[in-house]
Amino acid sequence: MTETLYWERPWLRFYPPGTPEAVEPPEGHVGQRVEEAFRARGGEVALFYYGRAYRYGELLEGIQRFASGLKALGLSPGDRVGLYLANSPQFALAYLGILWAGGVVVPVSPLYTSHELRHQLQDSGARFLVVQDALWENASRAGVALEAAIVVPLKEALPPWQRLLVRSLPLPQGPGVYPWRDLFRAPPLPAPEPRRGEDLAALPYTGGTTGLPKGVEITHGNILAAHRMIQSLNPFSRRSTILAFLPFYHIYGQVVLLLGGLLSGARLVVFSTPDPDWILEAMVRYRATHFFGVPSLYEVLRDHPKAHWVDWGRLEVVVSGADTLHEATAEAFRTRTGREIAEGYGMTETTSVSHINPRDRVKRGSFGIPLPGIRALVVDPDTLEPVPVGEVGELALAGPNITRGYWRREEENARSFFAQGGLRFFRTGDLVRMDEEGYFHFYDRAKDMIKYKGRPVFPREIEEALRAHPLVKAAGVVGVPDPKVGAYPKAYVVLEAEARGKVTEEDLMAFLRERLAPYKLPREIEFRGELPKTDVGKVSRRELREEVQGGAP
């Protein structure tokens, strides 16, 4: 088959009946869609937070009051506002209140240190910060000059009886520091600030696989397009109940769950921390219909003693994203629950999801087919020409959900976008292949690929082979520079508890020799008690590479 198959979009035949081939973003901005959706459902429950119900009408008034409070502090349209909070009703109010007032949300991981926070606030030029009370000390150490900091006690969002069990933290004092409740004293801002579809709505930062994280410009049109694209293939409705434990600061939880759920009139069950016990109990109590997880969580749930409480068959959707779903995890989960996990794919730059497995046609080992409106190519990283179908190349995407670019990074933008067939494509940096049915398969990050004597070696392939060993719990592989061969693979392995001190490097090498070509075999295997993780649970190859390059133990 030739590269013309990419343009023919063979995946279209696997769309459910009635699914459009393309999706255009709605007119207007996010504030308008919030107003329409929330007014239509005023008396219905929007979210549950540890037993307390919040209705759409209640949230809408809170959004309007918070927006009014921000404007009273001096916020102007286009001003950036840092959001340094765990999942909570306050996160929803602040996020949507910032957009209602015409501001731009700069979501920050609550796991970030003061140093990481400082970079994000300074790089974005944020004038304001909404910060959780438990994170105030970190925020104050960041040393960034702000016009105002709004301090949020999450305790106030809990049911009254639960507040008695939570220790109150002293609210900080000082110029420019405001308690959360103070911003709700102003009269509601009745209508959202007018914005255009091309105006900036959010400025999330990438994980920084190389160098410092970069701001990704997400417009109102990007968000509305992404929502419509997701809805066209896996719709939420008023009957949907979504477990919202994925972090809202991350594009996955932010666009798919928080915005997608609320704009669709669904109910969210919100967790500040992803405790597996609470999640499984809530699935039963609230009769969840949609479950969105990450591979590391499915690893936990497959062996969890309470997993049998859940009638997994009644769930409409069981989805995995944010990292590669390993074959062993998917098979063990299906054996335990009877459900196949539908793997998806997306990036911050694609405003969350770009691919998903159709619920009625899941292909194990594939991250699925493009959403309506997405154009996908697999190209040679050097020439940017499409490679033959079935061959590995770099994934390139075009569509209305694709970021307009990186914040103040013109050189990066020049490298990351190219034109072909009259469309503007974004280079994802991921090595994939498309099969003849139009399903896409992930190989590795282009920057993680190891060149051994000129041959490409994919760390993920070695990691998958290691994880197939019944006594290997986790694995990470990186390249070690070597002038004689270019680079050779080194593996870091975490064994199951009962195997530690018993399984040797030679045992694993013998296991790998049966599964990998000789040039793919790691030259070294180092055992660890744990591996560094990113804040969404991926093994952090960047940190492992830094150890190798710096000679750290």
Protein backbone atom coordinates (compact mmCIF):
# COMPACT_ATOMS: atom_id res chain seq x y z
CA MET A 1 0.00 0.00 0.00
CA THR A 2 1.19 3.54 -0.69
CA GLU A 3 1.09 6.65 1.44
CA THR A 4 -2.20 7.67 -0.25
CA LEU A 5 -3.99 5.43 2.25
CA TYR A 6 -3.35 8.07 4.95
CA TRP A 7 -5.38 10.58 2.95
CA GLU A 8 -8.12 8.02 2.28
CA ARG A 9 -8.59 7.60 6.06
CA PRO A 10 -9.34 3.87 6.26
CA TRP A 11 -10.37 4.29 9.90
CA LEU A 12 -13.62 6.02 8.90
CA ARG A 13 -15.39 2.68 8.39
CA PHE A 14 -14.97 1.89 12.07
CA TYR A 15 -16.82 4.99 13.27
CA PRO A 16 -20.19 4.18 14.86
CA PRO A 17 -23.21 4.88 12.62
CA GLY A 18 -24.05 8.57 12.50
CA THR A 19 -20.53 9.74 13.44
CA PRO A 20 -19.41 12.67 11.28
CA GLU A 21 -16.17 12.43 9.32
CA ALA A 22 -15.08 15.91 10.41
CA VAL A 23 -15.89 18.31 13.21
CA GLU A 24 -15.72 22.07 13.16
CA PRO A 25 -15.41 24.01 16.44
CA PRO A 26 -18.58 25.75 17.58
CA GLU A 27 -18.77 29.50 17.27
CA GLY A 28 -17.95 31.61 20.31
CA HIS A 29 -15.93 30.86 23.43
CA VAL A 30 -15.94 28.57 26.44
CA GLY A 31 -17.79 31.04 28.70
CA GLN A 32 -20.77 31.05 26.35
CA ARG A 33 -20.94 27.25 26.29
CA VAL A 34 -20.70 27.17 30.10
CA GLU A 35 -23.55 29.64 30.42
CA GLU A 36 -25.78 27.66 28.04
CA ALA A 37 -25.03 24.27 29.61
CA PHE A 38 -25.25 25.34 33.25
CA ARG A 39 -28.44 27.41 32.92
CA ALA A 40 -30.18 24.52 31.18
CA ARG A 41 -29.37 22.17 34.09
CA GLY A 42 -29.53 24.52 37.07
CA GLY A 43 -31.21 22.10 39.49
CA GLU A 44 -29.26 19.00 38.48
CA VAL A 45 -26.19 17.67 40.30
CA ALA A 46 -22.95 18.66 38.57
CA LEU A 47 -20.44 17.05 40.91
CA PHE A 48 -20.04 15.12 44.14
CA TYR A 49 -17.10 15.80 46.41
CA TYR A 50 -16.67 13.25 49.21
CA GLY A 51 -20.42 13.03 49.70
CA ARG A 52 -21.34 16.69 49.14
CA ALA A 53 -23.41 17.47 46.03
CA TYR A 54 -22.95 20.66 43.99
CA ARG A 55 -25.64 21.63 41.47
CA TYR A 56 -25.10 23.34 38.14
CA GLY A 57 -26.92 26.47 39.26
CA GLU A 58 -24.77 26.70 42.39
CA LEU A 59 -21.59 26.33 40.35
CA LEU A 60 -22.72 28.96 37.82
CA GLU A 61 -23.31 31.55 40.53
CA GLY A 62 -19.92 30.70 42.07
CA ILE A 63 -18.23 31.10 38.68
CA GLN A 64 -19.87 34.48 38.18
CA ARG A 65 -18.92 35.71 41.67
CA PHE A 66 -15.32 34.50 41.39
CA ALA A 67 -14.99 36.19 37.99
CA SER A 68 -16.33 39.41 39.47
CA GLY A 69 -13.86 39.16 42.36
CA LEU A 70 -10.95 38.68 39.93
CA LYS A 71 -11.95 41.73 37.94
CA ALA A 72 -12.18 43.75 41.16
CA LEU A 73 -8.54 42.78 41.81
CA GLY A 74 -7.60 44.19 38.41
CA LEU A 75 -7.71 41.23 36.03
CA SER A 76 -7.95 42.28 32.38
CA PRO A 77 -8.82 40.10 29.36
CA GLY A 78 -5.82 37.98 28.39
CA ASP A 79 -4.15 38.14 31.83
CA ARG A 80 -2.65 34.83 32.94
CA VAL A 81 -3.72 33.32 36.26
CA GLY A 82 -1.80 30.44 37.87
CA LEU A 83 -3.96 27.63 39.25
CA TYR A 84 -2.05 25.61 41.87
CA LEU A 85 -4.74 23.30 43.26
CA ALA A 86 -5.66 19.67 43.69
CA ASN A 87 -8.92 18.36 42.19
CA SER A 88 -11.82 19.98 44.00
CA PRO A 89 -14.99 22.03 43.42
CA GLN A 90 -12.78 25.11 43.89
CA PHE A 91 -10.64 24.02 40.93
CA ALA A 92 -13.77 23.93 38.73
CA LEU A 93 -14.96 27.31 40.03
CA ALA A 94 -11.55 28.94 39.60
CA TYR A 95 -10.85 27.46 36.15
CA LEU A 96 -14.21 28.46 34.71
CA GLY A 97 -14.29 31.73 36.66
CA ILE A 98 -10.97 32.77 35.11
CA LEU A 99 -12.34 32.07 31.62
CA TRP A 100 -15.61 33.85 32.46
CA ALA A 101 -13.62 36.96 33.41
CA GLY A 102 -11.63 36.77 30.15
CA GLY A 103 -8.41 35.51 31.73
CA VAL A 104 -6.08 32.68 30.73
CA VAL A 105 -5.66 29.63 33.01
CA VAL A 106 -2.09 28.51 33.76
CA PRO A 107 -2.62 25.09 35.44
CA VAL A 108 0.24 23.98 37.70
CA SER A 109 0.77 20.50 39.12
CA PRO A 110 0.18 20.48 42.90
CA LEU A 111 3.22 18.18 43.09
CA TYR A 112 5.53 20.89 41.79
CA THR A 113 8.27 22.32 43.94
CA SER A 114 8.74 26.05 44.42
CA HIS A 115 11.47 26.00 41.75
CA GLU A 116 9.16 24.40 39.16
CA LEU A 117 6.33 26.75 40.11
CA ARG A 118 8.63 29.75 39.73
CA HIS A 119 9.58 28.78 36.19
CA GLN A 120 5.96 28.35 35.12
CA LEU A 121 4.74 31.62 36.67
CA GLN A 122 7.67 33.65 35.34
CA ASP A 123 7.61 32.13 31.87
CA SER A 124 3.85 32.63 31.51
CA GLY A 125 3.92 36.15 32.95
CA ALA A 126 1.14 35.30 35.39
CA ARG A 127 -0.18 38.28 37.37
CA PHE A 128 -2.35 36.28 39.78
CA LEU A 129 -2.19 32.91 41.56
CA VAL A 130 -4.96 30.75 42.99
CA VAL A 131 -3.22 28.47 45.48
CA GLN A 132 -4.30 25.70 47.86
CA ASP A 133 -3.63 26.52 51.52
CA ALA A 134 -1.46 23.41 51.94
CA LEU A 135 0.71 24.63 49.03
CA TRP A 136 1.11 28.21 50.24
CA GLU A 137 4.56 27.63 51.72
CA ASN A 138 5.81 26.32 48.36
CA ALA A 139 4.23 29.26 46.57
CA SER A 140 5.75 31.83 48.90
CA ARG A 141 9.22 30.27 48.44
CA ALA A 142 8.89 30.64 44.66
CA GLY A 143 9.62 34.34 45.11
CA VAL A 144 7.55 35.52 42.14
CA ALA A 145 6.12 39.04 42.25
CA LEU A 146 2.35 38.75 41.86
CA GLU A 147 -0.42 41.30 42.03
CA ALA A 148 -2.60 38.97 44.07
CA ALA A 149 -2.58 35.47 45.56
CA ILE A 150 -5.93 33.85 46.41
CA VAL A 151 -5.57 31.16 49.09
CA VAL A 152 -8.02 28.24 48.93
CA PRO A 153 -8.82 25.96 51.90
CA LEU A 154 -10.15 22.74 50.35
CA LYS A 155 -11.69 21.88 53.71
CA GLU A 156 -14.50 24.35 53.01
CA ALA A 157 -15.72 22.24 50.08
CA LEU A 158 -16.33 19.13 52.24
CA PRO A 159 -19.63 18.14 53.86
CA PRO A 160 -19.97 19.72 57.35
CA TRP A 161 -19.39 16.46 59.22
CA GLN A 162 -16.16 15.79 57.33
CA ARG A 163 -14.78 19.25 58.05
CA LEU A 164 -14.61 18.25 61.71
CA LEU A 165 -12.08 15.56 60.81
CA VAL A 166 -9.73 17.86 58.88
CA ARG A 167 -7.24 20.17 60.57
CA SER A 168 -7.57 23.82 59.62
CA LEU A 169 -4.46 25.55 58.34
CA PRO A 170 -3.82 29.18 59.30
CA LEU A 171 -4.57 31.52 56.42
CA PRO A 172 -1.54 33.58 55.42
CA GLN A 173 -1.62 37.33 55.89
CA GLY A 174 0.04 40.12 53.97
CA PRO A 175 -0.38 42.60 51.16
CA GLY A 176 -1.87 41.09 48.03
CA VAL A 177 -2.96 37.89 49.80
CA TYR A 178 -6.71 37.20 49.80
CA PRO A 179 -8.79 34.40 51.34
CA TRP A 180 -10.83 32.45 48.79
CA ARG A 181 -14.17 33.48 50.26
CA ASP A 182 -13.35 37.19 49.89
CA LEU A 183 -13.63 36.95 46.11
CA PHE A 184 -17.24 35.76 46.36
CA ARG A 185 -18.50 38.91 48.10
CA ALA A 186 -18.78 40.91 44.89
CA PRO A 187 -22.06 40.78 42.93
CA PRO A 188 -22.03 38.13 40.18
CA LEU A 189 -20.65 39.07 36.77
CA PRO A 190 -23.85 38.35 34.78
CA ALA A 191 -22.31 37.59 31.38
CA PRO A 192 -18.92 36.19 30.40
CA GLU A 193 -16.28 38.54 29.03
CA PRO A 194 -16.46 38.43 25.20
CA ARG A 195 -13.64 36.38 23.67
CA ARG A 196 -12.94 34.98 20.21
CA GLY A 197 -12.30 31.39 19.27
CA GLU A 198 -8.67 32.19 18.44
CA ASP A 199 -8.06 33.84 21.83
CA LEU A 200 -5.93 32.05 24.38
CA ALA A 201 -7.90 30.14 27.05
CA ALA A 202 -5.29 28.00 28.80
CA LEU A 203 -1.51 27.77 28.96
CA PRO A 204 -0.64 24.29 30.27
CA TYR A 205 3.03 23.30 30.30
CA THR A 206 4.50 20.16 28.80
CA GLY A 207 6.25 17.68 31.07
CA GLY A 208 9.69 18.81 29.99
CA THR A 209 11.11 15.54 28.60
CA THR A 210 14.09 17.65 27.50
CA GLY A 211 14.96 20.97 29.07
CA LEU A 212 12.49 23.23 30.86
CA PRO A 213 8.74 22.75 30.29
CA LYS A 214 7.18 24.80 27.50
CA GLY A 215 3.83 26.58 27.57
CA VAL A 216 1.30 25.21 25.07
CA GLU A 217 -1.15 27.76 23.68
CA ILE A 218 -4.67 26.31 23.92
CA THR A 219 -7.38 28.54 22.49
CA HIS A 220 -11.11 28.67 23.17
CA GLY A 221 -11.58 27.15 19.71
CA ASN A 222 -9.18 24.29 20.53
CA ILE A 223 -11.14 23.40 23.68
CA LEU A 224 -14.56 23.57 22.03
CA ALA A 225 -13.34 21.56 19.04
CA ALA A 226 -11.77 18.89 21.26
CA HIS A 227 -14.98 18.62 23.27
CA ARG A 228 -17.12 18.23 20.16
CA MET A 229 -14.69 15.68 18.65
CA ILE A 230 -14.71 13.54 21.79
CA GLN A 231 -18.49 13.79 22.07
CA SER A 232 -18.93 12.68 18.47
CA LEU A 233 -17.28 9.31 19.18
CA ASN A 234 -17.70 8.64 22.93
CA PRO A 235 -20.48 10.96 24.10
CA PHE A 236 -21.37 11.92 27.65
CA SER A 237 -24.96 12.82 28.54
CA ARG A 238 -27.08 13.79 31.51
CA ARG A 239 -27.22 10.10 32.39
CA SER A 240 -23.42 9.82 32.59
CA THR A 241 -21.55 9.55 35.88
CA ILE A 242 -17.80 10.03 35.54
CA LEU A 243 -15.19 9.22 38.16
CA ALA A 244 -12.91 12.29 38.13
CA PHE A 245 -9.73 11.27 39.93
CA LEU A 246 -7.30 12.05 37.09
CA PRO A 247 -5.59 15.37 37.87
CA PHE A 248 -7.40 18.41 36.49
CA TYR A 249 -4.17 20.34 35.97
CA HIS A 250 -3.21 17.73 33.33
CA ILE A 251 -4.77 18.11 29.88
CA TYR A 252 -6.40 14.64 30.07
CA GLY A 253 -8.36 15.31 33.24
CA GLN A 254 -8.88 18.97 32.41
CA VAL A 255 -10.45 18.67 28.95
CA VAL A 256 -11.90 15.15 28.87
CA LEU A 257 -13.29 14.96 32.42
CA LEU A 258 -13.72 18.44 33.92
CA LEU A 259 -14.72 20.46 30.86
CA GLY A 260 -16.09 17.56 28.84
CA GLY A 261 -18.23 16.28 31.68
CA LEU A 262 -19.65 19.64 32.77
CA LEU A 263 -20.33 20.97 29.26
CA SER A 264 -22.25 17.74 28.57
CA GLY A 265 -24.41 17.92 31.68
CA ALA A 266 -22.88 14.80 33.24
CA ARG A 267 -22.16 14.17 36.93
CA LEU A 268 -18.56 14.14 38.14
CA VAL A 269 -17.44 12.28 41.24
CA VAL A 270 -14.37 14.32 42.19
CA PHE A 271 -11.41 13.05 44.21
CA SER A 272 -8.49 15.17 45.42
CA THR A 273 -6.29 12.07 45.61
CA PRO A 274 -6.63 8.88 43.52
CA ASP A 275 -7.14 6.42 46.37
CA PRO A 276 -8.04 3.00 44.85
CA ASP A 277 -10.31 2.07 47.79
CA TRP A 278 -12.34 5.24 47.46
CA ILE A 279 -12.48 4.95 43.68
CA LEU A 280 -13.85 1.39 43.76
CA GLU A 281 -16.33 2.23 46.50
CA ALA A 282 -17.53 5.29 44.56
CA MET A 283 -17.98 3.22 41.40
CA VAL A 284 -20.51 1.12 43.24
CA ARG A 285 -22.14 3.91 45.28
CA TYR A 286 -22.67 6.33 42.39
CA ARG A 287 -23.20 3.69 39.68
CA ALA A 288 -20.44 5.08 37.48
CA THR A 289 -20.85 4.81 33.72
CA HIS A 290 -17.45 6.08 32.52
CA PHE A 291 -14.02 5.14 33.82
CA PHE A 292 -10.87 6.92 32.62
CA GLY A 293 -7.55 5.74 33.99
CA VAL A 294 -3.83 5.48 33.34
CA PRO A 295 -1.83 2.24 32.99
CA SER A 296 -0.28 2.48 36.45
CA LEU A 297 -3.76 2.59 38.02
CA TYR A 298 -4.95 -0.44 36.06
CA GLU A 299 -1.87 -2.25 37.37
CA VAL A 300 -3.12 -1.56 40.90
CA LEU A 301 -6.80 -2.31 40.24
CA ARG A 302 -6.18 -5.67 38.57
CA ASP A 303 -4.92 -7.06 41.91
CA HIS A 304 -7.05 -4.98 44.27
CA PRO A 305 -9.19 -7.04 46.68
CA LYS A 306 -12.21 -4.75 46.14
CA ALA A 307 -12.14 -5.01 42.33
CA HIS A 308 -14.76 -7.78 42.51
CA TRP A 309 -17.25 -5.34 44.09
CA VAL A 310 -17.65 -3.59 40.77
CA ASP A 311 -19.92 -4.74 37.95
CA TRP A 312 -17.42 -3.78 35.26
CA GLY A 313 -19.80 -4.98 32.56
CA ARG A 314 -22.25 -2.12 33.19
CA LEU A 315 -19.65 0.55 32.45
CA GLU A 316 -20.12 2.18 29.04
CA VAL A 317 -16.45 3.09 28.68
CA VAL A 318 -13.17 1.88 30.22
CA VAL A 319 -10.34 4.00 28.79
CA SER A 320 -6.57 4.22 29.34
CA GLY A 321 -4.44 7.18 28.31
CA ALA A 322 -1.42 9.35 29.23
CA ASP A 323 1.03 6.45 28.84
CA THR A 324 1.47 3.19 26.93
CA LEU A 325 -0.80 0.37 28.08
CA HIS A 326 1.36 -2.74 28.36
CA GLU A 327 0.01 -6.00 26.97
CA ALA A 328 0.46 -7.80 30.30
CA THR A 329 -1.57 -5.13 32.12
CA ALA A 330 -4.41 -5.24 29.60
CA GLU A 331 -4.59 -9.04 29.65
CA ALA A 332 -4.46 -9.30 33.45
CA PHE A 333 -7.19 -6.66 33.78
CA ARG A 334 -9.42 -8.44 31.26
CA THR A 335 -8.90 -11.75 33.04
CA ARG A 336 -9.87 -10.19 36.39
CA THR A 337 -12.80 -8.01 35.28
CA GLY A 338 -13.93 -9.34 31.91
CA ARG A 339 -13.43 -5.90 30.35
CA GLU A 340 -11.12 -4.88 27.55
CA ILE A 341 -9.47 -1.51 28.15
CA ALA A 342 -9.82 0.89 25.22
CA GLU A 343 -6.45 2.58 24.83
CA GLY A 344 -6.29 6.16 23.58
CA TYR A 345 -3.66 8.71 22.68
CA GLY A 346 -3.30 12.43 23.05
CA MET A 347 -0.96 15.22 24.05
CA THR A 348 -1.16 18.64 25.61
CA GLU A 349 -0.58 19.97 22.08
CA THR A 350 -3.70 18.15 20.80
CA THR A 351 -5.89 19.55 23.61
CA SER A 352 -6.13 16.03 25.08
CA VAL A 353 -7.32 13.16 22.87
CA SER A 354 -6.52 12.63 19.18
CA HIS A 355 -7.01 8.83 18.92
CA ILE A 356 -9.16 6.24 20.67
CA ASN A 357 -10.18 2.62 20.19
CA PRO A 358 -13.88 2.40 19.27
CA ARG A 359 -15.66 0.81 22.20
CA ASP A 360 -17.05 -2.03 20.05
CA ARG A 361 -13.81 -2.72 18.18
CA VAL A 362 -10.84 -2.52 20.52
CA LYS A 363 -7.57 -3.64 18.99
CA ARG A 364 -5.12 -4.75 21.69
CA GLY A 365 -1.71 -3.11 21.30
CA SER A 366 -3.08 -0.16 19.32
CA PHE A 367 -3.99 3.29 20.64
CA GLY A 368 -6.86 3.38 18.18
CA ILE A 369 -8.07 5.52 15.30
CA PRO A 370 -8.16 9.31 14.86
CA LEU A 371 -11.14 11.25 16.16
CA PRO A 372 -13.44 12.92 13.63
CA GLY A 373 -11.71 16.01 12.27
CA ILE A 374 -8.17 14.70 12.77
CA ARG A 375 -5.85 14.18 9.81
CA ALA A 376 -2.97 11.83 10.64
CA LEU A 377 0.23 11.05 8.75
CA VAL A 378 3.24 8.88 9.57
CA VAL A 379 6.28 10.66 8.12
CA ASP A 380 10.00 10.23 7.79
CA PRO A 381 11.46 12.43 10.58
CA ASP A 382 14.15 13.76 8.23
CA THR A 383 12.22 14.39 5.01
CA LEU A 384 8.69 14.81 6.46
CA GLU A 385 7.37 12.70 3.58
CA PRO A 386 4.81 9.97 4.41
CA VAL A 387 6.32 6.52 4.88
CA PRO A 388 4.64 3.41 3.42
CA VAL A 389 1.74 2.10 5.48
CA GLY A 390 2.98 -0.40 8.05
CA GLU A 391 6.39 1.24 8.43
CA VAL A 392 7.53 3.17 11.50
CA GLY A 393 7.79 6.95 11.31
CA GLU A 394 6.89 10.09 13.22
CA LEU A 395 3.22 10.81 13.86
CA ALA A 396 2.03 14.15 12.48
CA LEU A 397 -1.44 15.55 13.15
CA ALA A 398 -3.66 18.31 11.81
CA GLY A 399 -7.08 19.42 13.07
CA PRO A 400 -9.01 22.13 14.90
CA ASN A 401 -7.86 20.85 18.29
CA ILE A 402 -4.14 21.30 17.54
CA THR A 403 -2.38 24.05 19.51
CA ARG A 404 -1.54 27.23 17.68
CA GLY A 405 2.01 26.92 19.02
CA TYR A 406 4.38 27.10 21.97
CA TRP A 407 4.36 30.19 24.15
CA ARG A 408 7.19 32.52 23.11
CA ARG A 409 9.18 29.71 21.47
CA GLU A 410 9.48 30.71 17.83
CA GLU A 411 12.38 28.36 17.06
CA GLU A 412 10.49 25.46 18.60
CA ASN A 413 7.41 26.36 16.56
CA ALA A 414 9.45 26.41 13.36
CA ARG A 415 10.67 22.86 14.12
CA SER A 416 7.29 21.52 15.24
CA PHE A 417 4.95 22.45 12.38
CA PHE A 418 4.99 21.87 8.63
CA ALA A 419 2.56 22.15 5.73
CA GLN A 420 1.41 19.28 3.54
CA GLY A 421 -1.67 18.83 1.38
CA GLY A 422 -2.86 22.31 2.27
CA LEU A 423 -2.92 21.50 6.01
CA ARG A 424 -0.75 22.58 8.94
CA PHE A 425 0.66 19.48 10.66
CA PHE A 426 2.13 19.20 14.14
CA ARG A 427 5.09 16.88 14.68
CA THR A 428 4.33 14.85 17.80
CA GLY A 429 7.84 13.42 18.24
CA ASP A 430 6.31 9.94 18.66
CA LEU A 431 7.35 7.00 16.50
CA VAL A 432 4.32 4.99 15.37
CA ARG A 433 3.01 2.92 12.50
CA MET A 434 -0.45 2.73 10.93
CA ASP A 435 -1.81 -0.64 9.86
CA GLU A 436 -4.00 -1.14 6.79
CA GLU A 437 -7.20 -0.74 8.82
CA GLY A 438 -6.13 2.70 9.99
CA TYR A 439 -5.29 1.72 13.58
CA PHE A 440 -2.14 3.30 15.01
CA HIS A 441 0.54 1.55 17.06
CA PHE A 442 3.05 3.29 19.34
CA TYR A 443 6.75 2.46 19.25
CA ASP A 444 8.58 5.15 21.19
CA ARG A 445 9.44 8.78 21.58
CA ALA A 446 11.75 9.80 18.73
CA LYS A 447 14.10 11.42 21.23
CA ASP A 448 14.26 8.19 23.26
CA MET A 449 15.26 5.98 20.33
CA ILE A 450 18.75 4.47 20.72
CA LYS A 451 21.01 4.21 17.67
CA TYR A 452 23.24 1.16 18.18
CA LYS A 453 25.76 0.82 15.34
CA GLY A 454 23.33 2.76 13.16
CA ARG A 455 20.39 0.46 13.96
CA PRO A 456 17.32 1.86 15.73
CA VAL A 457 16.60 0.29 19.12
CA PHE A 458 13.30 1.18 20.80
CA PRO A 459 13.44 1.33 24.62
CA ARG A 460 9.76 0.45 24.87
CA GLU A 461 10.32 -2.86 23.06
CA ILE A 462 12.94 -3.86 25.62
CA GLU A 463 10.73 -2.66 28.49
CA GLU A 464 7.82 -4.74 27.17
CA ALA A 465 10.05 -7.80 26.95
CA LEU A 466 11.25 -7.30 30.52
CA ARG A 467 7.73 -6.74 31.83
CA ALA A 468 6.66 -10.03 30.27
CA HIS A 469 8.79 -11.74 32.95
CA PRO A 470 6.41 -12.74 35.77
CA LEU A 471 8.75 -11.40 38.47
CA VAL A 472 9.44 -7.98 36.92
CA LYS A 473 7.26 -5.21 38.33
CA ALA A 474 8.59 -2.22 36.37
CA ALA A 475 11.30 -1.42 33.84
CA GLY A 476 12.91 1.60 32.24
CA VAL A 477 15.45 1.62 29.41
CA VAL A 478 17.72 4.45 28.20
CA GLY A 479 20.70 4.77 25.90
CA VAL A 480 24.23 5.12 27.24
CA PRO A 481 26.52 7.07 24.89
CA ASP A 482 29.46 5.01 23.63
CA PRO A 483 31.87 6.23 20.91
CA LYS A 484 32.38 2.71 19.58
CA VAL A 485 28.71 1.89 18.95
CA GLY A 486 26.90 5.25 19.23
CA ALA A 487 24.84 4.21 22.24
CA TYR A 488 23.84 0.98 23.92
CA PRO A 489 20.71 0.18 25.94
CA LYS A 490 20.80 0.04 29.72
CA ALA A 491 17.84 -1.33 31.68
CA TYR A 492 16.64 -0.39 35.14
CA VAL A 493 14.41 -3.02 36.71
CA VAL A 494 12.16 -3.23 39.77
CA LEU A 495 11.42 -6.81 40.80
CA GLU A 496 8.35 -8.08 42.61
CA ALA A 497 8.95 -8.17 46.36
CA GLU A 498 9.26 -11.97 46.55
CA ALA A 499 11.91 -12.02 43.78
CA ARG A 500 14.33 -9.46 45.16
CA GLY A 501 17.74 -10.97 45.78
CA LYS A 502 16.76 -14.15 43.94
CA VAL A 503 16.43 -13.11 40.28
CA THR A 504 19.79 -12.16 38.79
CA GLU A 505 20.92 -10.07 35.85
CA GLU A 506 21.88 -13.25 33.99
CA ASP A 507 18.40 -14.70 34.61
CA LEU A 508 16.83 -11.71 32.90
CA MET A 509 19.37 -11.71 30.08
CA ALA A 510 18.58 -15.36 29.36
CA PHE A 511 14.88 -14.46 29.31
CA LEU A 512 15.51 -11.57 26.89
CA ARG A 513 17.71 -13.59 24.52
CA GLU A 514 14.64 -15.64 23.63
CA ARG A 515 12.66 -12.51 22.77
CA LEU A 516 15.03 -9.91 21.32
CA ALA A 517 17.61 -9.74 18.55
CA PRO A 518 21.19 -9.64 19.89
CA TYR A 519 21.72 -5.94 19.03
CA LYS A 520 18.64 -5.01 21.11
CA LEU A 521 19.87 -6.69 24.30
CA PRO A 522 20.79 -4.30 27.13
CA ARG A 523 24.45 -4.30 27.99
CA GLU A 524 23.62 -3.55 31.63
CA ILE A 525 20.69 -4.33 33.92
CA GLU A 526 20.53 -2.41 37.18
CA PHE A 527 18.08 -3.41 39.92
CA ARG A 528 16.25 -0.68 41.81
CA GLY A 529 13.73 -0.52 44.63
CA GLU A 530 11.72 1.96 42.59
CA LEU A 531 12.02 4.02 39.40
CA PRO A 532 11.56 7.78 39.04
CA LYS A 533 8.08 8.69 37.79
CA THR A 534 6.55 11.70 36.14
CA ASP A 535 3.59 13.32 37.87
CA VAL A 536 1.18 11.25 35.76
CA GLY A 537 2.81 7.95 36.67
CA LYS A 538 5.10 7.30 33.70
CA VAL A 539 8.63 6.01 34.20
CA SER A 540 10.76 9.13 33.79
CA ARG A 541 13.38 8.25 31.20
CA ARG A 542 14.58 11.84 31.36
CA GLU A 543 15.69 11.38 34.97
CA LEU A 544 17.32 8.04 34.14
CA ARG A 545 19.16 9.67 31.23
CA GLU A 546 20.34 12.47 33.50
CA GLU A 547 21.78 9.87 35.86
CA VAL A 548 23.62 8.20 33.00
CA GLN A 549 24.96 11.46 31.62
CA GLY A 550 25.90 12.80 35.03
CA GLY A 551 27.40 9.57 36.28
CA ALA A 552 25.02 9.50 39.24
CA PRO A 553 24.51 6.20 41.04
